[in-house]
Structures are given as C-alpha cells and as structure tokens.
Amino acid sequence: MFDKVFNRKNSGSYKWDTIVSDGLIEKGAYPFSVADMEFQAPPEVRKALSSFCENGFFCYTSSDEAYRDCVREFLLRRHSFEIENDWITTVGGVVFAINTAIRAFTQKGDKVIIQTPVYYPFSTSILNNGRVIADNPLQFTDGEYRMNFEELQKIASEDDVKLMLLCSPHNPVGRVWTKAELQKVGEICLKNNVVLLSDEIHFDILRKNVEHTVINNVDPQIAQNTVICTAVSKTFNLAGLGTSNIIIKNKELRDKFQAQLSADGYSSINCVSRPATIAAYTKCDYWIDKVNEYIDSNIEMVERMLGATDKIKVHKCQGTYLMWLDMNGLSMTDSELDEFLNNKCGIIQDPGHWFGEGGKGFTRLNVACPKAVLKKAIETLISQIERV
C-alpha cells in the first residue's frame, strides 16, 4: 500500500514543483521536505471524491450536521475527546485558522508566544499581522526537548502578551507532550489571561505506545481558554483540500473567532472536502493504523542506519512523520549544509534554521515516503559524510 514510488513532477505540487530548484529532481534528488505524504490517500476517500465529481455539482458547501457528526464521532472514538457540534468552526486550513486567531484575540503590537524551534508559519503569521514574537525556546535536556516553564510564566505575565501558539505534537522536534506538561502550560495561560491555541494537526500520527492528549481533556477550566486546530490533512494526506476543523468550547472565544472569519470574507468550505472528510472519518480508521506502522518502520530504519555515524544525532520522534536531525557534527554553515544535502546527497529537505535560532545546523526530514526511496537517500547521505 505504501511501497509504490511515484514521480509527481508537473502536478502543481508545492513539494515537487514550486520550491525545487530547476533540474534537481531530474538529477536524482527526492523531496523529503513539505509535510505531506508520498502515499495515495485512502481508497475510500478517492472513491468518495470520484463519485462526487461524477455527480457534477461543485456548489457552495456548508459543514452541515452530517459533516459535523462525523468529526465529533471521530474525535470521541480516536481521542476520547467529547465535543458538541456547535463547537466546530470549519475553515480553509490550520495556517489560515492561526492567522484568524491572531487577528481575533490580539491587537497590532501585542505579543504572541511561540516555542522555537517550531513550525515556521507560526512566526510569519505573527509578523505578517503586525504582532510581536515572544519566544519561549524549548530546552534540550536529558535527551529530549522540554518546555521552560519558569521562563514561560515570566513571558505570559507581561501585559501585552495575549496569545500562545502551542504545537502539539510538536513540529519539528517530534515531542508528544505529557498530560502533566499540558496541565502546566494550560494553567500558565489561564492564570495570565493568555488565550491558548493548540495546533494538534498531527495528533493521529504517533509512534508505538505513545498517546496524545488533547489539551481540552486535561482540565475543564483550561478547556474554556483554548482553541484547538484539527484537520484530516496530515492523517490522510489531504492537505490540498485546504480544510480544517477548529474546536472552541468557550462561546465568547468562538464568537470572536467567527466574527473575524466573517470580517475576512470566509463563508464556505471547499466543496470536495465534505465527502472526503466524511469518508476519511467514518471508513478509514484502519488506514491510520497501517500508515503509523509504516512510518514507525521507516523511522526505526533511519535511526538504525544513522547510528553508524557520530556526525549526525537523531532526535527521538514520538509523533508526526518528521524526523529532526542534528547535523552540527558536519561543521557546515546552513547554506553549506543545504548545498550538501541537495546536490551531494539528493535530499531536498526543510533546513532547520527556518524553524528558529535553535534549528541552526539541523534538518527536518519527512519520512512519510516509500521505504526504498528513504533507504537509498540515507545510504547516499552516509556515503557522502565519509567524504567530508
């Protein structure tokens, strides 16, 4: 199901066409960059979309009760997360939702907390909206990334800090936060009147024996101060549908968010996202289990292969299909590292410095791809390292 190798050049793919230097793929390089999978979406989803297209009506579409029911039932079944249909606001993607939340809950000049190294649209969304980044960098101690709660408390207590963007599971470092960690961050935000937006888009992609905790399940009071971003996109490789489900329990926060959506002119979901979401959330639980097994196997293979070199440190990946590799042992600048990976190793990746100061010398590797392709890339990487 996941071993088939596709060449998706000239398909309009951001990963395969837009951000790739001319001729790089033709020379044998492969994109391990943008966070979508190199696997076809589940057959049940493809069939639902085929039937919808054959019907021939591409109308303005709402997230009706059937749509909301499937979202609610999925969240309860897979995450023990009980919601009401009214809590769901459907928008055109999580990044769009983050920008909407920034405008809804802050004013120009206000500060927004992030925890770098982190998904780089967090930073650009803050800056593009005329807000200020309040960075609470993650700390690497005892073999894993942790939150600096003492510093977080100091930052959150500042009068002009109004919103925090939490990445859970964390992209790119791969942490799945414990319930205790989420309790602390939730309490800090609640105590200081800082709205907490939890981006949980990767919450279905988890390693064996790792459990994700939805932030609202931690504490009922914390739930009243949160905005949760979910989507079918990462789980089922449907990012191009541009649809996400934002869960807001607190009606006051929900009204503010929806008022900003209206001000931005957003009124209708992508028509094909309705049948795709319903099919994914009602018929494809098996696919989630299988894709996680495959990603587990890919990650284990990379860890095993790179364990043979002391120049690259592989950080433990608890969630997402994104591996965070510390390549500072190669003693290269960021531009030299990018050149080395692209042209010497044939690995098109997301450079670590994009994710913040703490990402310098790192690379983010998307391993949701056929195993044979990944194995060849890592073999080439190891071979080239020996020549450095």
Protein backbone atom coordinates (compact mmCIF):
# COMPACT_ATOMS: atom_id res chain seq x y z
CA MET A 1 0.00 0.00 0.00
CA PHE A 2 2.83 2.43 0.81
CA ASP A 3 5.79 0.99 -1.13
CA LYS A 4 4.81 2.29 -4.57
CA VAL A 5 7.12 5.04 -5.84
CA PHE A 6 5.51 7.95 -7.68
CA ASN A 7 7.10 10.78 -9.64
CA ARG A 8 4.76 13.72 -9.11
CA LYS A 9 6.64 16.33 -11.12
CA ASN A 10 4.48 18.74 -13.14
CA SER A 11 1.44 18.07 -10.92
CA GLY A 12 1.45 21.52 -9.32
CA SER A 13 2.79 20.04 -6.08
CA TYR A 14 4.47 22.61 -3.86
CA LYS A 15 6.95 19.96 -2.74
CA TRP A 16 7.73 18.57 -6.19
CA ASP A 17 7.49 21.66 -8.37
CA THR A 18 7.27 25.05 -6.67
CA ILE A 19 10.13 25.06 -4.17
CA VAL A 20 12.54 22.76 -6.01
CA SER A 21 15.48 24.17 -7.92
CA ASP A 22 15.29 23.54 -11.66
CA GLY A 23 16.71 20.17 -12.64
CA LEU A 24 17.35 18.94 -9.10
CA ILE A 25 14.81 16.11 -9.20
CA GLU A 26 15.85 15.24 -12.76
CA LYS A 27 19.37 14.73 -11.38
CA GLY A 28 18.04 12.16 -8.93
CA ALA A 29 17.18 14.21 -5.85
CA TYR A 30 14.00 13.42 -3.92
CA PRO A 31 11.80 15.79 -1.87
CA PHE A 32 11.71 14.93 1.85
CA SER A 33 10.54 18.44 2.67
CA VAL A 34 6.96 19.73 2.77
CA ALA A 35 4.76 17.92 5.29
CA ASP A 36 2.51 15.90 3.05
CA MET A 37 2.92 12.19 2.39
CA GLU A 38 4.16 10.35 -0.67
CA PHE A 39 1.28 7.89 -0.24
CA GLN A 40 -2.01 7.93 -2.09
CA ALA A 41 -4.99 8.91 0.05
CA PRO A 42 -7.13 6.00 1.30
CA PRO A 43 -9.13 4.27 -1.45
CA GLU A 44 -12.39 5.02 0.36
CA VAL A 45 -11.64 8.74 0.16
CA ARG A 46 -10.67 8.54 -3.50
CA LYS A 47 -13.88 6.67 -4.26
CA ALA A 48 -15.98 9.25 -2.43
CA LEU A 49 -14.31 12.07 -4.36
CA SER A 50 -14.75 10.23 -7.66
CA SER A 51 -18.48 9.79 -7.01
CA PHE A 52 -18.82 13.43 -6.01
CA CYS A 53 -17.06 14.63 -9.15
CA GLU A 54 -19.09 12.31 -11.35
CA ASN A 55 -22.25 13.86 -9.92
CA GLY A 56 -21.08 17.12 -11.44
CA PHE A 57 -22.22 19.75 -8.93
CA PHE A 58 -19.48 21.90 -7.40
CA CYS A 59 -21.65 24.14 -5.29
CA TYR A 60 -21.18 26.43 -2.31
CA THR A 61 -20.93 23.96 0.56
CA SER A 62 -21.55 24.12 4.29
CA SER A 63 -20.28 21.99 7.14
CA ASP A 64 -23.75 20.56 7.79
CA GLU A 65 -24.81 18.21 10.59
CA ALA A 66 -23.67 15.10 8.72
CA TYR A 67 -20.21 16.63 8.37
CA ARG A 68 -20.08 17.79 11.99
CA ASP A 69 -21.37 14.45 13.25
CA CYS A 70 -18.50 12.59 11.60
CA VAL A 71 -15.93 15.00 13.07
CA ARG A 72 -17.47 14.73 16.55
CA GLU A 73 -17.69 10.93 16.41
CA PHE A 74 -14.11 10.60 15.16
CA LEU A 75 -12.72 12.78 17.94
CA LEU A 76 -14.58 10.74 20.53
CA ARG A 77 -13.63 7.38 19.03
CA ARG A 78 -9.94 8.06 18.37
CA HIS A 79 -9.09 10.61 21.07
CA SER A 80 -11.73 10.23 23.80
CA PHE A 81 -12.45 13.90 23.12
CA GLU A 82 -16.13 14.69 23.64
CA ILE A 83 -17.41 17.80 21.91
CA GLU A 84 -20.66 19.33 20.71
CA ASN A 85 -21.29 20.05 17.05
CA ASP A 86 -21.62 23.78 17.72
CA TRP A 87 -18.01 23.92 18.91
CA ILE A 88 -16.78 23.19 15.37
CA THR A 89 -15.83 26.01 13.03
CA THR A 90 -14.60 24.83 9.65
CA VAL A 91 -12.02 26.97 7.87
CA GLY A 92 -9.58 26.81 4.98
CA GLY A 93 -6.63 25.20 6.73
CA VAL A 94 -4.82 25.41 10.06
CA VAL A 95 -2.42 28.18 9.00
CA PHE A 96 -5.45 30.22 7.93
CA ALA A 97 -7.01 29.50 11.33
CA ILE A 98 -3.85 30.61 13.15
CA ASN A 99 -3.88 33.92 11.26
CA THR A 100 -7.56 34.33 12.05
CA ALA A 101 -6.94 33.67 15.75
CA ILE A 102 -4.10 36.19 15.84
CA ARG A 103 -6.40 38.87 14.45
CA ALA A 104 -9.34 37.80 16.61
CA PHE A 105 -7.61 37.67 20.00
CA THR A 106 -4.82 40.26 19.72
CA GLN A 107 -4.21 43.80 18.53
CA LYS A 108 -1.32 45.13 16.47
CA GLY A 109 1.74 45.41 18.67
CA ASP A 110 0.61 42.66 21.05
CA LYS A 111 2.92 39.73 21.72
CA VAL A 112 2.27 36.10 20.80
CA ILE A 113 4.19 33.26 22.46
CA ILE A 114 5.82 30.50 20.42
CA GLN A 115 8.33 27.80 21.38
CA THR A 116 11.15 27.56 18.88
CA PRO A 117 12.40 25.67 17.01
CA VAL A 118 8.84 25.46 15.70
CA TYR A 119 6.77 25.24 12.51
CA TYR A 120 7.86 28.40 10.72
CA PRO A 121 4.38 29.70 9.68
CA PHE A 122 3.87 30.43 13.38
CA SER A 123 6.48 33.19 13.16
CA THR A 124 5.44 34.53 9.78
CA SER A 125 1.77 34.63 10.79
CA ILE A 126 2.62 36.72 13.86
CA LEU A 127 4.86 39.15 11.98
CA ASN A 128 2.63 39.44 8.91
CA ASN A 129 -0.22 40.55 11.14
CA GLY A 130 1.82 43.25 12.85
CA ARG A 131 2.23 41.39 16.14
CA VAL A 132 5.43 40.66 18.06
CA ILE A 133 7.02 37.26 18.68
CA ALA A 134 7.57 36.34 22.34
CA ASP A 135 9.88 33.35 22.10
CA ASN A 136 9.97 30.72 24.83
CA PRO A 137 12.62 28.41 23.32
CA LEU A 138 12.47 24.71 24.06
CA GLN A 139 15.34 23.30 26.08
CA PHE A 140 17.16 20.10 25.18
CA THR A 141 17.91 18.24 28.41
CA ASP A 142 18.27 14.57 29.34
CA GLY A 143 17.94 13.50 25.74
CA GLU A 144 14.72 15.29 24.82
CA TYR A 145 13.18 18.68 24.27
CA ARG A 146 11.30 20.18 27.21
CA MET A 147 9.40 23.38 27.90
CA ASN A 148 10.98 26.09 30.02
CA PHE A 149 8.00 26.73 32.30
CA GLU A 150 9.77 29.26 34.52
CA GLU A 151 10.52 31.48 31.54
CA LEU A 152 7.05 30.83 30.08
CA GLN A 153 5.46 32.15 33.28
CA LYS A 154 7.55 35.33 33.10
CA ILE A 155 6.66 35.94 29.47
CA ALA A 156 2.95 35.19 29.93
CA SER A 157 2.73 37.66 32.83
CA GLU A 158 3.64 40.60 30.60
CA ASP A 159 0.65 42.86 29.93
CA ASP A 160 0.98 42.87 26.15
CA VAL A 161 1.09 39.06 25.79
CA LYS A 162 -2.36 37.93 24.63
CA LEU A 163 -1.99 34.60 22.80
CA MET A 164 0.15 31.48 22.80
CA LEU A 165 0.61 29.10 19.87
CA LEU A 166 1.29 25.56 21.10
CA CYS A 167 2.43 22.89 18.65
CA SER A 168 1.10 19.53 19.91
CA PRO A 169 2.54 17.13 18.75
CA HIS A 170 5.49 19.38 18.13
CA ASN A 171 6.75 20.08 14.63
CA PRO A 172 9.68 19.73 14.03
CA VAL A 173 11.17 18.21 17.22
CA GLY A 174 8.63 15.36 17.41
CA ARG A 175 7.66 15.69 21.08
CA VAL A 176 4.23 14.47 22.19
CA TRP A 177 3.58 16.46 25.35
CA THR A 178 2.56 14.63 28.50
CA LYS A 179 -0.63 15.43 30.35
CA ALA A 180 1.44 16.99 33.14
CA GLU A 181 3.24 19.28 30.69
CA LEU A 182 -0.03 20.32 29.09
CA GLN A 183 -1.50 20.98 32.53
CA LYS A 184 1.35 23.38 33.33
CA VAL A 185 1.20 25.30 30.07
CA GLY A 186 -2.60 25.48 30.25
CA GLU A 187 -2.54 26.78 33.81
CA ILE A 188 0.05 29.44 32.98
CA CYS A 189 -2.03 30.75 30.10
CA LEU A 190 -5.24 30.65 32.13
CA LYS A 191 -3.67 32.45 35.10
CA ASN A 192 -2.35 35.24 32.88
CA ASN A 193 -5.38 35.66 30.59
CA VAL A 194 -3.44 34.41 27.57
CA VAL A 195 -5.59 32.56 25.04
CA LEU A 196 -4.04 29.19 24.18
CA LEU A 197 -4.22 27.95 20.59
CA SER A 198 -3.21 24.30 20.33
CA ASP A 199 -2.26 23.16 16.85
CA GLU A 200 -3.00 19.43 17.00
CA ILE A 201 -2.96 18.75 13.28
CA HIS A 202 -0.52 15.81 13.70
CA PHE A 203 -2.44 14.20 16.58
CA ASP A 204 -3.15 10.94 14.74
CA ILE A 205 0.46 10.30 13.69
CA LEU A 206 2.09 8.67 16.72
CA ARG A 207 4.79 6.14 17.44
CA LYS A 208 4.07 2.77 19.02
CA ASN A 209 2.91 3.02 22.64
CA VAL A 210 2.75 6.84 22.53
CA GLU A 211 -0.54 8.53 23.42
CA HIS A 212 -1.55 12.06 22.51
CA THR A 213 -3.60 14.09 24.98
CA VAL A 214 -5.99 16.66 23.55
CA ILE A 215 -5.48 19.85 25.56
CA ASN A 216 -9.18 20.13 26.46
CA ASN A 217 -9.05 16.71 28.10
CA VAL A 218 -6.53 17.95 30.67
CA ASP A 219 -8.78 20.24 32.70
CA PRO A 220 -12.27 21.75 32.20
CA GLN A 221 -11.07 25.25 33.12
CA ILE A 222 -8.20 25.06 30.64
CA ALA A 223 -10.72 23.91 28.03
CA GLN A 224 -12.54 27.24 28.40
CA ASN A 225 -9.37 29.08 27.36
CA THR A 226 -8.36 27.05 24.31
CA VAL A 227 -8.71 26.97 20.56
CA ILE A 228 -7.88 23.55 19.10
CA CYS A 229 -6.86 23.15 15.46
CA THR A 230 -7.55 19.78 13.83
CA ALA A 231 -7.74 18.57 10.23
CA VAL A 232 -7.90 15.48 8.05
CA SER A 233 -4.90 16.78 6.10
CA LYS A 234 -1.88 15.20 7.80
CA THR A 235 -3.62 11.99 8.84
CA PHE A 236 -4.99 11.05 5.42
CA ASN A 237 -2.71 13.07 3.11
CA LEU A 238 -5.44 15.53 2.12
CA ALA A 239 -3.59 18.82 2.67
CA GLY A 240 -4.60 20.17 -0.73
CA LEU A 241 -8.27 20.21 0.25
CA GLY A 242 -7.50 23.18 2.48
CA THR A 243 -9.99 22.37 5.22
CA SER A 244 -9.61 22.17 8.99
CA ASN A 245 -11.94 21.88 11.96
CA ILE A 246 -11.33 24.35 14.75
CA ILE A 247 -12.77 23.31 18.11
CA ILE A 248 -13.68 26.14 20.50
CA LYS A 249 -15.73 25.27 23.58
CA ASN A 250 -15.95 28.79 25.04
CA LYS A 251 -18.74 30.63 23.22
CA GLU A 252 -17.17 34.05 23.77
CA LEU A 253 -13.92 32.93 22.14
CA ARG A 254 -15.85 31.13 19.41
CA ASP A 255 -17.91 34.22 18.61
CA LYS A 256 -14.76 36.35 18.35
CA PHE A 257 -13.12 33.82 16.07
CA GLN A 258 -16.18 33.54 13.85
CA ALA A 259 -16.60 37.33 13.72
CA GLN A 260 -13.03 37.62 12.45
CA LEU A 261 -13.72 34.92 9.85
CA SER A 262 -16.70 36.94 8.65
CA ALA A 263 -14.59 40.11 8.51
CA ASP A 264 -12.03 38.23 6.42
CA GLY A 265 -14.75 37.19 3.96
CA TYR A 266 -14.64 33.45 4.63
CA SER A 267 -18.04 31.80 4.22
CA SER A 268 -17.87 28.38 2.54
CA ILE A 269 -15.80 25.21 2.84
CA ASN A 270 -14.19 23.57 -0.17
CA CYS A 271 -16.97 21.50 -1.74
CA VAL A 272 -14.84 18.37 -2.17
CA SER A 273 -13.70 18.48 1.44
CA ARG A 274 -17.15 17.44 2.66
CA PRO A 275 -17.26 13.96 1.02
CA ALA A 276 -13.54 13.44 1.63
CA THR A 277 -13.78 14.26 5.35
CA ILE A 278 -16.87 12.13 5.86
CA ALA A 279 -15.26 9.15 4.12
CA ALA A 280 -11.96 9.57 5.99
CA TYR A 281 -13.55 9.93 9.41
CA THR A 282 -16.11 7.14 9.01
CA LYS A 283 -14.32 4.47 6.93
CA CYS A 284 -10.56 4.83 7.31
CA ASP A 285 -9.51 4.13 10.90
CA TYR A 286 -7.66 1.06 9.61
CA TRP A 287 -5.60 3.32 7.33
CA ILE A 288 -4.38 5.40 10.28
CA ASP A 289 -3.12 2.26 12.00
CA LYS A 290 -1.38 0.98 8.88
CA VAL A 291 0.29 4.27 7.96
CA ASN A 292 1.59 4.63 11.53
CA GLU A 293 3.08 1.14 11.36
CA TYR A 294 4.83 2.02 8.12
CA ILE A 295 6.16 5.33 9.45
CA ASP A 296 7.36 3.54 12.61
CA SER A 297 9.31 1.14 10.42
CA ASN A 298 10.83 3.98 8.38
CA ILE A 299 11.91 5.86 11.49
CA GLU A 300 13.45 2.74 13.02
CA MET A 301 15.37 2.15 9.79
CA VAL A 302 16.76 5.70 9.72
CA GLU A 303 17.73 5.50 13.41
CA ARG A 304 19.50 2.20 12.82
CA MET A 305 21.34 3.37 9.72
CA LEU A 306 22.45 6.73 11.10
CA GLY A 307 23.52 5.06 14.32
CA ALA A 308 26.63 4.05 12.40
CA THR A 309 27.89 7.66 12.25
CA ASP A 310 28.72 10.01 15.07
CA LYS A 311 28.32 13.11 12.89
CA ILE A 312 24.51 13.09 12.91
CA LYS A 313 22.33 12.88 16.00
CA VAL A 314 18.79 11.60 15.52
CA HIS A 315 16.33 13.12 17.95
CA LYS A 316 13.62 10.80 19.22
CA CYS A 317 10.41 11.17 17.24
CA GLN A 318 7.30 10.50 19.35
CA GLY A 319 4.81 11.96 16.90
CA THR A 320 4.46 13.32 13.34
CA TYR A 321 6.24 11.77 10.36
CA LEU A 322 9.01 14.37 10.55
CA MET A 323 12.47 13.47 11.84
CA TRP A 324 14.68 16.14 13.41
CA LEU A 325 18.35 15.54 12.64
CA ASP A 326 21.18 17.39 14.35
CA MET A 327 23.88 17.76 11.68
CA ASN A 328 26.12 20.20 13.51
CA GLY A 329 28.74 17.47 13.66
CA LEU A 330 29.42 18.14 9.97
CA SER A 331 30.68 21.65 10.88
CA MET A 332 28.89 23.30 7.95
CA THR A 333 27.11 26.62 7.69
CA ASP A 334 23.39 26.46 6.98
CA SER A 335 23.94 27.31 3.31
CA GLU A 336 26.73 24.73 3.02
CA LEU A 337 24.53 22.10 4.66
CA ASP A 338 21.66 22.84 2.28
CA GLU A 339 24.01 22.59 -0.69
CA PHE A 340 25.50 19.34 0.63
CA LEU A 341 22.13 17.67 1.18
CA ASN A 342 20.55 18.85 -2.08
CA ASN A 343 23.40 18.35 -4.51
CA LYS A 344 25.68 15.76 -2.91
CA CYS A 345 23.07 13.57 -1.22
CA GLY A 346 20.00 14.16 -3.36
CA ILE A 347 17.96 15.04 -0.27
CA ILE A 348 15.62 18.00 -0.63
CA GLN A 349 14.71 18.94 2.95
CA ASP A 350 13.46 21.74 5.15
CA PRO A 351 16.53 23.49 6.62
CA GLY A 352 16.50 23.63 10.40
CA HIS A 353 17.20 27.35 10.61
CA TRP A 354 13.76 28.02 9.10
CA PHE A 355 12.29 26.90 12.43
CA GLY A 356 14.20 29.42 14.55
CA GLU A 357 17.59 30.05 16.08
CA GLY A 358 17.62 26.65 17.80
CA GLY A 359 17.35 24.92 14.43
CA LYS A 360 20.68 26.04 13.04
CA GLY A 361 22.66 23.05 11.83
CA PHE A 362 19.57 20.81 11.85
CA THR A 363 17.38 19.41 9.11
CA ARG A 364 13.76 18.25 9.11
CA LEU A 365 13.27 15.05 7.16
CA ASN A 366 9.82 13.91 6.04
CA VAL A 367 9.84 10.09 6.18
CA ALA A 368 6.25 9.51 5.01
CA CYS A 369 7.54 8.04 1.78
CA PRO A 370 8.33 4.65 0.23
CA LYS A 371 10.93 2.77 2.23
CA ALA A 372 13.16 2.01 -0.77
CA VAL A 373 13.47 5.72 -1.60
CA LEU A 374 14.28 6.61 2.01
CA LYS A 375 16.82 3.81 2.36
CA LYS A 376 18.66 4.90 -0.78
CA ALA A 377 18.77 8.52 0.42
CA ILE A 378 20.20 7.60 3.83
CA GLU A 379 22.77 5.30 2.22
CA THR A 380 23.87 8.18 -0.01
CA LEU A 381 24.00 10.52 2.98
CA ILE A 382 26.22 8.14 4.94
CA SER A 383 28.47 7.65 1.93
CA GLN A 384 28.87 11.39 1.43
CA ILE A 385 29.51 12.00 5.13
CA GLU A 386 32.52 9.70 4.93
CA ARG A 387 33.99 12.02 2.28
CA VAL A 388 33.56 15.21 4.29
